Amino acid sequence: MIHKEGYTTLAIVYATIIISESLILYFFNNQWFFISTIPLALFILFFFSYFFRNPQRDLTYLSNTILAPADGKVVAIEETHEDEYLKDKRIQVSIFMSAWDIHKNLIPIEGEISYYKYHAGKYLLAINPKSSTLNERTSIAVKTKKHEILLRQIAGFMARRVVCYMKEGIHVKQNQELGFIKFGSRVDVFLPLGSEMKIKVGQKVKFGVTEIAVLP
């Protein structure tokens, strides 16, 4: 199943491949050269189709528990001061998505969107800690009955578009679709101090399935 964010990209890739192969056959008029380019064309089509995949998954639903908002690898769990919106000390969890991970993002807990902001920025490697504040990104706060958490979708070196479906004031369910980041990227989650962490650095997580933390 292909994610809707991939429809236009795949159409462009498919059309480009058809046109390129047709031009190669027309101008070079060499059947063997034409055949030799087909594996590369198929690999490109496979890569983009694989990147925009949107498989069905049995999701978990747990109250007062933060679920993984993204597939990927946990690259940081650390105490930091969140300066943009929350303005206090938080536990920052950073999940890095490689080009081979699914790039759909989900809401990790039920609540109300209390803050949304898009930031233009640079395109540092998403694994770089500075990307959290320097790269193109969107910041979204979810307010529950007791807590408020911040999520940050961060574009990476390859990613050139962060898609977010949220807006302030709407009520969101756990595992509702948050958005999509095109190509290698990262999601940061800022949790209250005292949260019981369920993951560790280096662990692979799955959106909507892996428990990140239990809120205090």
N, C-alpha and C. Protein backbone atom coordinates (compact mmCIF):
# COMPACT_ATOMS: atom_id res chain seq x y z
N MET A 1 0.84 -1.18 0.00
CA MET A 1 0.00 0.00 0.00
C MET A 1 0.89 1.24 0.00
N ILE A 2 0.58 2.20 -0.84
CA ILE A 2 1.38 3.42 -0.96
C ILE A 2 0.72 4.56 -0.19
N HIS A 3 1.52 5.32 0.56
CA HIS A 3 1.00 6.47 1.29
C HIS A 3 0.60 7.57 0.31
N LYS A 4 -0.43 8.32 0.65
CA LYS A 4 -0.93 9.36 -0.26
C LYS A 4 0.12 10.42 -0.58
N GLU A 5 1.09 10.64 0.33
CA GLU A 5 2.13 11.62 0.06
C GLU A 5 3.08 11.19 -1.05
N GLY A 6 3.01 9.92 -1.42
CA GLY A 6 3.89 9.42 -2.46
C GLY A 6 3.29 9.39 -3.85
N TYR A 7 1.99 9.68 -3.98
CA TYR A 7 1.34 9.56 -5.28
C TYR A 7 2.00 10.44 -6.34
N THR A 8 2.16 11.73 -6.02
CA THR A 8 2.73 12.67 -7.00
C THR A 8 4.17 12.31 -7.32
N THR A 9 4.95 12.02 -6.27
CA THR A 9 6.37 11.67 -6.49
C THR A 9 6.51 10.44 -7.36
N LEU A 10 5.72 9.42 -7.08
CA LEU A 10 5.81 8.19 -7.87
C LEU A 10 5.36 8.41 -9.31
N ALA A 11 4.36 9.25 -9.51
CA ALA A 11 3.92 9.55 -10.87
C ALA A 11 5.03 10.24 -11.65
N ILE A 12 5.74 11.17 -10.98
CA ILE A 12 6.86 11.87 -11.63
C ILE A 12 7.99 10.90 -11.94
N VAL A 13 8.31 10.03 -10.98
CA VAL A 13 9.38 9.05 -11.17
C VAL A 13 9.04 8.11 -12.32
N TYR A 14 7.81 7.61 -12.33
CA TYR A 14 7.38 6.68 -13.38
C TYR A 14 7.45 7.35 -14.76
N ALA A 15 6.94 8.59 -14.85
CA ALA A 15 6.96 9.31 -16.13
C ALA A 15 8.39 9.58 -16.58
N THR A 16 9.25 9.95 -15.64
CA THR A 16 10.66 10.23 -15.97
C THR A 16 11.35 8.99 -16.51
N ILE A 17 11.08 7.85 -15.88
CA ILE A 17 11.69 6.59 -16.33
C ILE A 17 11.21 6.23 -17.74
N ILE A 18 9.92 6.35 -17.98
CA ILE A 18 9.37 6.02 -19.30
C ILE A 18 9.97 6.93 -20.38
N ILE A 19 10.02 8.23 -20.09
CA ILE A 19 10.56 9.19 -21.07
C ILE A 19 12.05 8.93 -21.30
N SER A 20 12.80 8.71 -20.21
CA SER A 20 14.24 8.48 -20.33
C SER A 20 14.55 7.23 -21.14
N GLU A 21 13.83 6.15 -20.84
CA GLU A 21 14.05 4.90 -21.56
C GLU A 21 13.67 5.04 -23.04
N SER A 22 12.64 5.79 -23.30
CA SER A 22 12.22 6.01 -24.69
C SER A 22 13.26 6.81 -25.45
N LEU A 23 13.83 7.84 -24.79
CA LEU A 23 14.86 8.65 -25.44
C LEU A 23 16.14 7.86 -25.68
N ILE A 24 16.49 7.00 -24.71
CA ILE A 24 17.67 6.16 -24.89
C ILE A 24 17.50 5.24 -26.09
N LEU A 25 16.33 4.64 -26.19
CA LEU A 25 16.07 3.73 -27.31
C LEU A 25 16.04 4.47 -28.64
N TYR A 26 15.53 5.70 -28.63
CA TYR A 26 15.40 6.47 -29.88
C TYR A 26 16.75 7.00 -30.35
N PHE A 27 17.50 7.65 -29.42
CA PHE A 27 18.74 8.31 -29.84
C PHE A 27 19.92 7.35 -30.00
N PHE A 28 20.01 6.34 -29.13
CA PHE A 28 21.13 5.42 -29.21
C PHE A 28 20.85 4.26 -30.17
N ASN A 29 19.58 3.95 -30.31
CA ASN A 29 19.18 2.88 -31.24
C ASN A 29 20.00 1.61 -31.01
N ASN A 30 20.20 1.31 -29.72
CA ASN A 30 21.01 0.15 -29.34
C ASN A 30 20.22 -0.66 -28.31
N GLN A 31 19.75 -1.80 -28.74
CA GLN A 31 18.88 -2.60 -27.89
C GLN A 31 19.58 -3.06 -26.62
N TRP A 32 20.87 -3.44 -26.75
CA TRP A 32 21.60 -3.94 -25.57
C TRP A 32 21.84 -2.83 -24.56
N PHE A 33 22.14 -1.64 -25.02
CA PHE A 33 22.31 -0.50 -24.10
C PHE A 33 20.99 -0.19 -23.39
N PHE A 34 19.92 -0.24 -24.15
CA PHE A 34 18.59 0.00 -23.58
C PHE A 34 18.28 -1.03 -22.49
N ILE A 35 18.56 -2.31 -22.76
CA ILE A 35 18.30 -3.37 -21.79
C ILE A 35 19.16 -3.19 -20.54
N SER A 36 20.41 -2.73 -20.74
CA SER A 36 21.32 -2.58 -19.60
C SER A 36 20.87 -1.49 -18.63
N THR A 37 20.05 -0.54 -19.09
CA THR A 37 19.57 0.54 -18.21
C THR A 37 18.31 0.16 -17.44
N ILE A 38 17.67 -0.92 -17.83
CA ILE A 38 16.42 -1.32 -17.19
C ILE A 38 16.60 -1.67 -15.71
N PRO A 39 17.66 -2.41 -15.30
CA PRO A 39 17.81 -2.70 -13.87
C PRO A 39 17.89 -1.44 -13.00
N LEU A 40 18.61 -0.42 -13.48
CA LEU A 40 18.71 0.83 -12.73
C LEU A 40 17.34 1.50 -12.63
N ALA A 41 16.62 1.51 -13.71
CA ALA A 41 15.27 2.11 -13.72
C ALA A 41 14.36 1.38 -12.75
N LEU A 42 14.43 0.05 -12.72
CA LEU A 42 13.59 -0.73 -11.82
C LEU A 42 13.98 -0.50 -10.36
N PHE A 43 15.30 -0.36 -10.10
CA PHE A 43 15.76 -0.10 -8.74
C PHE A 43 15.23 1.24 -8.24
N ILE A 44 15.29 2.28 -9.09
CA ILE A 44 14.79 3.60 -8.71
C ILE A 44 13.29 3.54 -8.40
N LEU A 45 12.55 2.84 -9.26
CA LEU A 45 11.11 2.71 -9.04
C LEU A 45 10.83 1.92 -7.76
N PHE A 46 11.61 0.87 -7.50
CA PHE A 46 11.45 0.08 -6.28
C PHE A 46 11.75 0.93 -5.04
N PHE A 47 12.84 1.71 -5.09
CA PHE A 47 13.23 2.52 -3.93
C PHE A 47 12.12 3.49 -3.54
N PHE A 48 11.58 4.23 -4.51
CA PHE A 48 10.55 5.21 -4.20
C PHE A 48 9.26 4.53 -3.75
N SER A 49 8.93 3.41 -4.35
CA SER A 49 7.73 2.67 -3.93
C SER A 49 7.90 2.15 -2.51
N TYR A 50 9.11 1.67 -2.19
CA TYR A 50 9.39 1.14 -0.85
C TYR A 50 9.38 2.26 0.18
N PHE A 51 9.93 3.40 -0.19
CA PHE A 51 10.00 4.52 0.74
C PHE A 51 8.61 5.00 1.14
N PHE A 52 7.70 5.07 0.18
CA PHE A 52 6.36 5.60 0.45
C PHE A 52 5.36 4.51 0.84
N ARG A 53 5.87 3.36 1.24
CA ARG A 53 4.96 2.27 1.64
C ARG A 53 4.18 2.67 2.89
N ASN A 54 2.98 2.12 2.99
CA ASN A 54 2.11 2.43 4.12
C ASN A 54 1.41 1.14 4.56
N PRO A 55 2.17 0.23 5.18
CA PRO A 55 1.60 -1.08 5.53
C PRO A 55 0.59 -0.98 6.67
N GLN A 56 -0.34 -1.92 6.70
CA GLN A 56 -1.29 -2.01 7.80
C GLN A 56 -0.58 -2.59 9.03
N ARG A 57 -0.93 -2.08 10.21
CA ARG A 57 -0.25 -2.52 11.43
C ARG A 57 -1.26 -2.56 12.57
N ASP A 58 -1.17 -3.58 13.41
CA ASP A 58 -2.00 -3.65 14.61
C ASP A 58 -1.42 -2.69 15.65
N LEU A 59 -2.15 -1.62 15.94
CA LEU A 59 -1.65 -0.57 16.81
C LEU A 59 -2.05 -0.81 18.26
N THR A 60 -1.27 -0.22 19.17
CA THR A 60 -1.51 -0.32 20.60
C THR A 60 -2.20 0.95 21.08
N TYR A 61 -3.09 0.82 22.07
CA TYR A 61 -3.75 2.00 22.64
C TYR A 61 -3.66 1.89 24.16
N LEU A 62 -2.91 2.84 24.78
CA LEU A 62 -2.69 2.84 26.22
C LEU A 62 -2.83 4.25 26.77
N SER A 63 -3.66 4.44 27.76
CA SER A 63 -3.82 5.76 28.37
C SER A 63 -2.60 6.09 29.22
N ASN A 64 -2.26 7.36 29.28
CA ASN A 64 -1.13 7.88 30.06
C ASN A 64 0.22 7.31 29.62
N THR A 65 0.25 6.73 28.42
CA THR A 65 1.48 6.15 27.88
C THR A 65 1.81 6.81 26.55
N ILE A 66 3.07 7.19 26.39
CA ILE A 66 3.55 7.76 25.13
C ILE A 66 4.02 6.62 24.23
N LEU A 67 3.37 6.48 23.08
CA LEU A 67 3.79 5.49 22.10
C LEU A 67 4.73 6.13 21.09
N ALA A 68 5.52 5.32 20.42
CA ALA A 68 6.46 5.85 19.43
C ALA A 68 5.69 6.57 18.33
N PRO A 69 6.05 7.82 18.02
CA PRO A 69 5.39 8.55 16.94
C PRO A 69 5.96 8.22 15.57
N ALA A 70 7.07 7.48 15.54
CA ALA A 70 7.75 7.20 14.27
C ALA A 70 8.50 5.87 14.35
N ASP A 71 8.70 5.26 13.19
CA ASP A 71 9.61 4.12 13.09
C ASP A 71 11.04 4.65 13.08
N GLY A 72 11.97 3.88 13.61
CA GLY A 72 13.36 4.30 13.53
C GLY A 72 14.18 3.84 14.71
N LYS A 73 15.31 4.50 14.89
CA LYS A 73 16.26 4.15 15.95
C LYS A 73 16.35 5.27 16.97
N VAL A 74 16.29 4.93 18.24
CA VAL A 74 16.43 5.93 19.31
C VAL A 74 17.90 6.36 19.37
N VAL A 75 18.16 7.63 19.10
CA VAL A 75 19.54 8.11 19.08
C VAL A 75 19.86 8.99 20.28
N ALA A 76 18.85 9.38 21.07
CA ALA A 76 19.11 10.21 22.24
C ALA A 76 17.97 10.10 23.24
N ILE A 77 18.32 10.00 24.52
CA ILE A 77 17.40 10.14 25.65
C ILE A 77 18.15 10.99 26.66
N GLU A 78 17.77 12.23 26.81
CA GLU A 78 18.55 13.12 27.66
C GLU A 78 17.68 14.24 28.23
N GLU A 79 18.11 14.75 29.37
CA GLU A 79 17.42 15.89 29.98
C GLU A 79 17.89 17.17 29.29
N THR A 80 16.95 18.00 28.92
CA THR A 80 17.28 19.24 28.23
C THR A 80 16.29 20.32 28.62
N HIS A 81 16.58 21.56 28.24
CA HIS A 81 15.65 22.66 28.47
C HIS A 81 14.97 22.98 27.15
N GLU A 82 13.66 22.83 27.10
CA GLU A 82 12.91 23.09 25.88
C GLU A 82 12.59 24.58 25.83
N ASP A 83 13.22 25.29 24.89
CA ASP A 83 13.17 26.75 24.87
C ASP A 83 12.08 27.34 23.98
N GLU A 84 11.52 26.54 23.09
CA GLU A 84 10.60 27.11 22.11
C GLU A 84 9.22 27.41 22.68
N TYR A 85 8.64 26.45 23.37
CA TYR A 85 7.25 26.59 23.81
C TYR A 85 7.04 26.22 25.27
N LEU A 86 7.51 25.06 25.68
CA LEU A 86 7.26 24.59 27.05
C LEU A 86 8.04 25.40 28.09
N LYS A 87 9.23 25.84 27.70
CA LYS A 87 10.05 26.71 28.55
C LYS A 87 10.40 26.08 29.90
N ASP A 88 10.69 24.79 29.91
CA ASP A 88 11.11 24.15 31.15
C ASP A 88 11.96 22.93 30.82
N LYS A 89 12.44 22.26 31.86
CA LYS A 89 13.27 21.07 31.66
C LYS A 89 12.40 19.90 31.25
N ARG A 90 12.92 19.13 30.31
CA ARG A 90 12.20 17.99 29.76
C ARG A 90 13.15 16.82 29.50
N ILE A 91 12.57 15.65 29.31
CA ILE A 91 13.33 14.50 28.80
C ILE A 91 13.11 14.47 27.30
N GLN A 92 14.19 14.61 26.54
CA GLN A 92 14.10 14.60 25.08
C GLN A 92 14.42 13.21 24.56
N VAL A 93 13.50 12.67 23.78
CA VAL A 93 13.71 11.39 23.09
C VAL A 93 13.78 11.69 21.60
N SER A 94 14.86 11.28 20.96
CA SER A 94 15.05 11.53 19.53
C SER A 94 15.06 10.21 18.77
N ILE A 95 14.21 10.14 17.74
CA ILE A 95 14.10 8.94 16.90
C ILE A 95 14.54 9.29 15.49
N PHE A 96 15.58 8.62 15.03
CA PHE A 96 16.12 8.87 13.69
C PHE A 96 15.54 7.88 12.70
N MET A 97 15.01 8.41 11.60
CA MET A 97 14.44 7.58 10.54
C MET A 97 15.39 7.55 9.35
N SER A 98 15.89 6.39 9.01
CA SER A 98 16.74 6.26 7.82
C SER A 98 15.85 6.24 6.59
N ALA A 99 16.46 6.26 5.43
CA ALA A 99 15.69 6.24 4.18
C ALA A 99 14.91 4.95 4.01
N TRP A 100 15.24 3.91 4.81
CA TRP A 100 14.57 2.62 4.67
C TRP A 100 13.44 2.44 5.67
N ASP A 101 13.28 3.38 6.60
CA ASP A 101 12.19 3.30 7.57
C ASP A 101 10.90 3.86 6.97
N ILE A 102 9.76 3.47 7.55
CA ILE A 102 8.48 4.07 7.17
C ILE A 102 8.46 5.49 7.73
N HIS A 103 8.05 6.46 6.92
CA HIS A 103 8.17 7.86 7.32
C HIS A 103 6.86 8.52 7.71
N LYS A 104 5.83 7.71 7.92
CA LYS A 104 4.58 8.23 8.47
C LYS A 104 4.75 8.46 9.96
N ASN A 105 4.18 9.54 10.48
CA ASN A 105 4.25 9.86 11.91
C ASN A 105 2.86 9.85 12.52
N LEU A 106 2.77 9.37 13.77
CA LEU A 106 1.50 9.29 14.47
C LEU A 106 1.52 10.10 15.76
N ILE A 107 0.33 10.49 16.22
CA ILE A 107 0.19 11.16 17.51
C ILE A 107 0.41 10.13 18.62
N PRO A 108 1.31 10.39 19.59
CA PRO A 108 1.66 9.37 20.58
C PRO A 108 0.71 9.25 21.76
N ILE A 109 -0.19 10.24 21.95
CA ILE A 109 -1.10 10.19 23.09
C ILE A 109 -2.30 11.08 22.79
N GLU A 110 -3.46 10.73 23.36
CA GLU A 110 -4.67 11.51 23.12
C GLU A 110 -4.61 12.85 23.83
N GLY A 111 -5.15 13.88 23.19
CA GLY A 111 -5.17 15.20 23.81
C GLY A 111 -5.62 16.27 22.83
N GLU A 112 -5.29 17.50 23.14
CA GLU A 112 -5.64 18.63 22.28
C GLU A 112 -4.37 19.30 21.76
N ILE A 113 -4.39 19.67 20.49
CA ILE A 113 -3.24 20.38 19.92
C ILE A 113 -3.25 21.81 20.47
N SER A 114 -2.31 22.09 21.36
CA SER A 114 -2.26 23.40 22.02
C SER A 114 -1.25 24.35 21.38
N TYR A 115 -0.44 23.80 20.46
CA TYR A 115 0.59 24.64 19.82
C TYR A 115 1.00 24.00 18.51
N TYR A 116 1.17 24.84 17.49
CA TYR A 116 1.69 24.37 16.20
C TYR A 116 2.50 25.50 15.58
N LYS A 117 3.69 25.16 15.08
CA LYS A 117 4.48 26.17 14.38
C LYS A 117 5.43 25.50 13.40
N TYR A 118 5.49 26.07 12.20
CA TYR A 118 6.45 25.62 11.19
C TYR A 118 7.66 26.54 11.21
N HIS A 119 8.86 25.95 11.11
CA HIS A 119 10.11 26.70 11.09
C HIS A 119 10.88 26.38 9.81
N ALA A 120 11.17 27.38 9.02
CA ALA A 120 12.11 27.18 7.91
C ALA A 120 13.50 27.00 8.50
N GLY A 121 14.39 26.31 7.80
CA GLY A 121 15.73 26.11 8.36
C GLY A 121 16.67 25.42 7.42
N LYS A 122 17.74 24.88 7.99
CA LYS A 122 18.79 24.23 7.23
C LYS A 122 18.44 22.76 6.99
N TYR A 123 19.38 22.03 6.38
CA TYR A 123 19.18 20.61 6.10
C TYR A 123 20.42 19.84 6.54
N LEU A 124 20.76 19.99 7.84
CA LEU A 124 21.84 19.21 8.41
C LEU A 124 21.41 17.75 8.48
N LEU A 125 22.38 16.84 8.63
CA LEU A 125 22.03 15.44 8.83
C LEU A 125 21.12 15.33 10.05
N ALA A 126 20.02 14.61 9.90
CA ALA A 126 19.02 14.56 10.97
C ALA A 126 19.56 13.93 12.25
N ILE A 127 20.61 13.12 12.14
CA ILE A 127 21.19 12.50 13.33
C ILE A 127 22.00 13.50 14.15
N ASN A 128 22.31 14.65 13.55
CA ASN A 128 23.06 15.72 14.23
C ASN A 128 22.18 16.37 15.29
N PRO A 129 22.62 16.46 16.57
CA PRO A 129 21.79 17.07 17.61
C PRO A 129 21.35 18.50 17.29
N LYS A 130 22.16 19.24 16.54
CA LYS A 130 21.82 20.62 16.21
C LYS A 130 20.63 20.73 15.25
N SER A 131 20.31 19.62 14.57
CA SER A 131 19.20 19.65 13.62
C SER A 131 17.88 19.95 14.32
N SER A 132 17.79 19.65 15.62
CA SER A 132 16.55 19.87 16.37
C SER A 132 16.14 21.33 16.41
N THR A 133 17.14 22.25 16.35
CA THR A 133 16.83 23.67 16.42
C THR A 133 17.24 24.45 15.18
N LEU A 134 18.00 23.83 14.27
CA LEU A 134 18.50 24.55 13.09
C LEU A 134 17.83 24.12 11.78
N ASN A 135 17.33 22.89 11.72
CA ASN A 135 16.76 22.39 10.47
C ASN A 135 15.31 22.83 10.26
N GLU A 136 14.84 22.67 9.02
CA GLU A 136 13.41 22.86 8.77
C GLU A 136 12.64 21.88 9.65
N ARG A 137 11.56 22.35 10.28
CA ARG A 137 10.87 21.52 11.24
C ARG A 137 9.47 22.05 11.55
N THR A 138 8.65 21.22 12.12
CA THR A 138 7.38 21.65 12.70
C THR A 138 7.36 21.23 14.16
N SER A 139 6.79 22.06 15.00
CA SER A 139 6.65 21.76 16.42
C SER A 139 5.18 21.69 16.76
N ILE A 140 4.79 20.62 17.46
CA ILE A 140 3.38 20.40 17.81
C ILE A 140 3.29 20.01 19.27
N ALA A 141 2.48 20.71 20.04
CA ALA A 141 2.26 20.35 21.44
C ALA A 141 0.92 19.66 21.59
N VAL A 142 0.90 18.59 22.38
CA VAL A 142 -0.34 17.87 22.70
C VAL A 142 -0.59 18.00 24.20
N LYS A 143 -1.75 18.54 24.55
CA LYS A 143 -2.09 18.75 25.95
C LYS A 143 -3.10 17.70 26.40
N THR A 144 -2.72 16.93 27.43
CA THR A 144 -3.63 15.96 28.02
C THR A 144 -4.26 16.58 29.27
N LYS A 145 -5.00 15.80 30.04
CA LYS A 145 -5.63 16.33 31.25
C LYS A 145 -4.60 16.75 32.29
N LYS A 146 -3.44 16.08 32.30
CA LYS A 146 -2.44 16.37 33.34
C LYS A 146 -1.14 16.94 32.79
N HIS A 147 -0.82 16.68 31.53
CA HIS A 147 0.50 17.02 31.01
C HIS A 147 0.41 17.67 29.63
N GLU A 148 1.55 18.18 29.21
CA GLU A 148 1.69 18.72 27.86
C GLU A 148 3.03 18.25 27.31
N ILE A 149 3.01 17.64 26.14
CA ILE A 149 4.25 17.18 25.52
C ILE A 149 4.44 17.91 24.19
N LEU A 150 5.66 17.97 23.76
CA LEU A 150 5.98 18.62 22.48
C LEU A 150 6.60 17.59 21.55
N LEU A 151 6.15 17.61 20.30
CA LEU A 151 6.76 16.78 19.26
C LEU A 151 7.36 17.70 18.22
N ARG A 152 8.48 17.27 17.65
CA ARG A 152 9.14 18.07 16.62
C ARG A 152 9.49 17.18 15.44
N GLN A 153 8.89 17.44 14.28
CA GLN A 153 9.24 16.75 13.03
C GLN A 153 10.38 17.52 12.39
N ILE A 154 11.48 16.86 12.12
CA ILE A 154 12.69 17.53 11.65
C ILE A 154 13.13 16.98 10.30
N ALA A 155 13.29 17.87 9.34
CA ALA A 155 13.82 17.47 8.03
C ALA A 155 15.30 17.14 8.17
N GLY A 156 15.78 16.24 7.31
CA GLY A 156 17.18 15.85 7.34
C GLY A 156 17.93 16.35 6.13
N PHE A 157 19.10 15.76 5.88
CA PHE A 157 19.95 16.15 4.75
C PHE A 157 19.25 15.87 3.43
N MET A 158 18.55 14.73 3.36
CA MET A 158 17.84 14.36 2.14
C MET A 158 16.41 14.90 2.13
N ALA A 159 15.80 14.97 3.33
CA ALA A 159 14.41 15.39 3.40
C ALA A 159 14.26 16.86 3.04
N ARG A 160 13.33 17.16 2.18
CA ARG A 160 13.10 18.53 1.75
C ARG A 160 11.67 18.98 1.98
N ARG A 161 10.91 18.14 2.65
CA ARG A 161 9.53 18.54 2.94
C ARG A 161 9.02 17.83 4.17
N VAL A 162 8.54 18.62 5.13
CA VAL A 162 7.89 18.09 6.31
C VAL A 162 6.39 18.35 6.16
N VAL A 163 5.59 17.30 6.21
CA VAL A 163 4.14 17.42 6.07
C VAL A 163 3.51 17.20 7.43
N CYS A 164 2.67 18.14 7.87
CA CYS A 164 1.97 18.01 9.15
C CYS A 164 0.49 18.29 8.93
N TYR A 165 -0.36 17.41 9.47
CA TYR A 165 -1.80 17.53 9.28
C TYR A 165 -2.51 18.22 10.45
N MET A 166 -1.75 18.74 11.41
CA MET A 166 -2.33 19.28 12.63
C MET A 166 -2.60 20.78 12.54
N LYS A 167 -3.46 21.26 13.44
CA LYS A 167 -3.66 22.68 13.65
C LYS A 167 -4.12 22.88 15.09
N GLU A 168 -3.88 24.06 15.62
CA GLU A 168 -4.20 24.32 17.01
C GLU A 168 -5.70 24.19 17.28
N GLY A 169 -6.00 23.65 18.48
CA GLY A 169 -7.38 23.59 18.93
C GLY A 169 -8.11 22.31 18.63
N ILE A 170 -7.56 21.43 17.80
CA ILE A 170 -8.27 20.19 17.47
C ILE A 170 -7.96 19.10 18.49
N HIS A 171 -8.91 18.23 18.71
CA HIS A 171 -8.71 17.09 19.60
C HIS A 171 -8.18 15.92 18.77
N VAL A 172 -7.14 15.27 19.27
CA VAL A 172 -6.53 14.17 18.54
C VAL A 172 -6.54 12.90 19.37
N LYS A 173 -6.67 11.79 18.68
CA LYS A 173 -6.64 10.48 19.31
C LYS A 173 -5.23 9.90 19.26
N GLN A 174 -4.94 9.01 20.17
CA GLN A 174 -3.67 8.28 20.11
C GLN A 174 -3.62 7.49 18.82
N ASN A 175 -2.48 7.57 18.13
CA ASN A 175 -2.22 6.90 16.84
C ASN A 175 -2.94 7.54 15.66
N GLN A 176 -3.53 8.72 15.86
CA GLN A 176 -4.02 9.48 14.71
C GLN A 176 -2.83 9.94 13.89
N GLU A 177 -3.00 10.02 12.57
CA GLU A 177 -1.86 10.37 11.73
C GLU A 177 -1.45 11.82 11.92
N LEU A 178 -0.20 12.02 12.27
CA LEU A 178 0.35 13.36 12.50
C LEU A 178 0.85 13.99 11.21
N GLY A 179 1.55 13.20 10.39
CA GLY A 179 2.10 13.75 9.15
C GLY A 179 3.09 12.79 8.52
N PHE A 180 3.95 13.34 7.69
CA PHE A 180 4.89 12.53 6.91
C PHE A 180 6.12 13.38 6.64
N ILE A 181 7.30 12.77 6.71
CA ILE A 181 8.55 13.46 6.37
C ILE A 181 9.20 12.72 5.21
N LYS A 182 9.51 13.45 4.15
CA LYS A 182 10.03 12.80 2.95
C LYS A 182 11.55 12.62 3.03
N PHE A 183 11.97 11.37 3.11
CA PHE A 183 13.35 10.90 3.15
C PHE A 183 13.96 11.07 4.54
N GLY A 184 15.24 10.70 4.70
CA GLY A 184 15.88 10.59 6.01
C GLY A 184 15.57 11.77 6.91
N SER A 185 15.14 11.51 8.14
CA SER A 185 14.66 12.58 9.00
C SER A 185 14.60 12.12 10.44
N ARG A 186 13.94 12.94 11.31
CA ARG A 186 13.97 12.66 12.74
C ARG A 186 12.74 13.24 13.43
N VAL A 187 12.33 12.59 14.52
CA VAL A 187 11.26 13.11 15.35
C VAL A 187 11.76 13.18 16.79
N ASP A 188 11.60 14.35 17.43
CA ASP A 188 11.94 14.53 18.83
C ASP A 188 10.66 14.61 19.65
N VAL A 189 10.68 14.03 20.84
CA VAL A 189 9.56 14.09 21.77
C VAL A 189 10.09 14.64 23.09
N PHE A 190 9.41 15.65 23.62
CA PHE A 190 9.83 16.27 24.88
C PHE A 190 8.82 15.92 25.96
N LEU A 191 9.27 15.11 26.94
CA LEU A 191 8.41 14.54 27.96
C LEU A 191 8.64 15.18 29.32
N PRO A 192 7.64 15.13 30.21
CA PRO A 192 7.82 15.68 31.56
C PRO A 192 8.90 14.92 32.33
N LEU A 193 9.63 15.63 33.19
CA LEU A 193 10.57 14.96 34.08
C LEU A 193 9.80 14.00 34.98
N GLY A 194 10.39 12.88 35.27
CA GLY A 194 9.72 11.88 36.09
C GLY A 194 9.00 10.83 35.28
N SER A 195 8.98 10.97 33.95
CA SER A 195 8.36 9.96 33.11
C SER A 195 9.15 8.65 33.21
N GLU A 196 8.44 7.54 33.24
CA GLU A 196 9.08 6.23 33.33
C GLU A 196 9.44 5.77 31.92
N MET A 197 10.74 5.77 31.62
CA MET A 197 11.18 5.44 30.27
C MET A 197 11.12 3.93 30.03
N LYS A 198 10.62 3.57 28.84
CA LYS A 198 10.47 2.18 28.46
C LYS A 198 11.43 1.76 27.35
N ILE A 199 12.29 2.66 26.94
CA ILE A 199 13.21 2.40 25.83
C ILE A 199 14.62 2.76 26.24
N LYS A 200 15.58 2.46 25.35
CA LYS A 200 16.96 2.83 25.58
C LYS A 200 17.59 3.28 24.27
N VAL A 201 18.69 3.99 24.37
CA VAL A 201 19.40 4.47 23.19
C VAL A 201 19.88 3.28 22.36
N GLY A 202 19.69 3.38 21.05
CA GLY A 202 20.08 2.31 20.15
C GLY A 202 18.95 1.35 19.81
N GLN A 203 17.85 1.45 20.53
CA GLN A 203 16.72 0.55 20.29
C GLN A 203 15.94 0.97 19.06
N LYS A 204 15.47 -0.01 18.30
CA LYS A 204 14.57 0.25 17.17
C LYS A 204 13.14 0.29 17.69
N VAL A 205 12.38 1.26 17.23
CA VAL A 205 11.00 1.40 17.67
C VAL A 205 10.06 1.43 16.48
N LYS A 206 8.79 1.12 16.74
CA LYS A 206 7.76 1.14 15.70
C LYS A 206 6.62 2.07 16.12
N PHE A 207 6.20 2.93 15.18
CA PHE A 207 5.14 3.86 15.53
C PHE A 207 3.85 3.11 15.90
N GLY A 208 3.19 3.65 16.93
CA GLY A 208 1.92 3.08 17.36
C GLY A 208 1.99 1.75 18.06
N VAL A 209 3.19 1.24 18.28
CA VAL A 209 3.37 -0.07 18.91
C VAL A 209 4.29 0.00 20.12
N THR A 210 5.50 0.56 19.92
CA THR A 210 6.50 0.60 20.98
C THR A 210 6.13 1.64 22.04
N GLU A 211 6.18 1.22 23.31
CA GLU A 211 5.95 2.15 24.41
C GLU A 211 7.22 2.95 24.67
N ILE A 212 7.11 4.27 24.60
CA ILE A 212 8.25 5.14 24.85
C ILE A 212 8.38 5.44 26.34
N ALA A 213 7.28 5.84 26.98
CA ALA A 213 7.32 6.22 28.39
C ALA A 213 5.92 6.24 28.97
N VAL A 214 5.86 6.05 30.29
CA VAL A 214 4.62 6.24 31.05
C VAL A 214 4.73 7.58 31.77
N LEU A 215 3.75 8.44 31.58
CA LEU A 215 3.79 9.78 32.17
C LEU A 215 3.60 9.71 33.67
N PRO A 216 4.22 10.65 34.42
CA PRO A 216 4.10 10.62 35.88
C PRO A 216 2.69 10.97 36.37
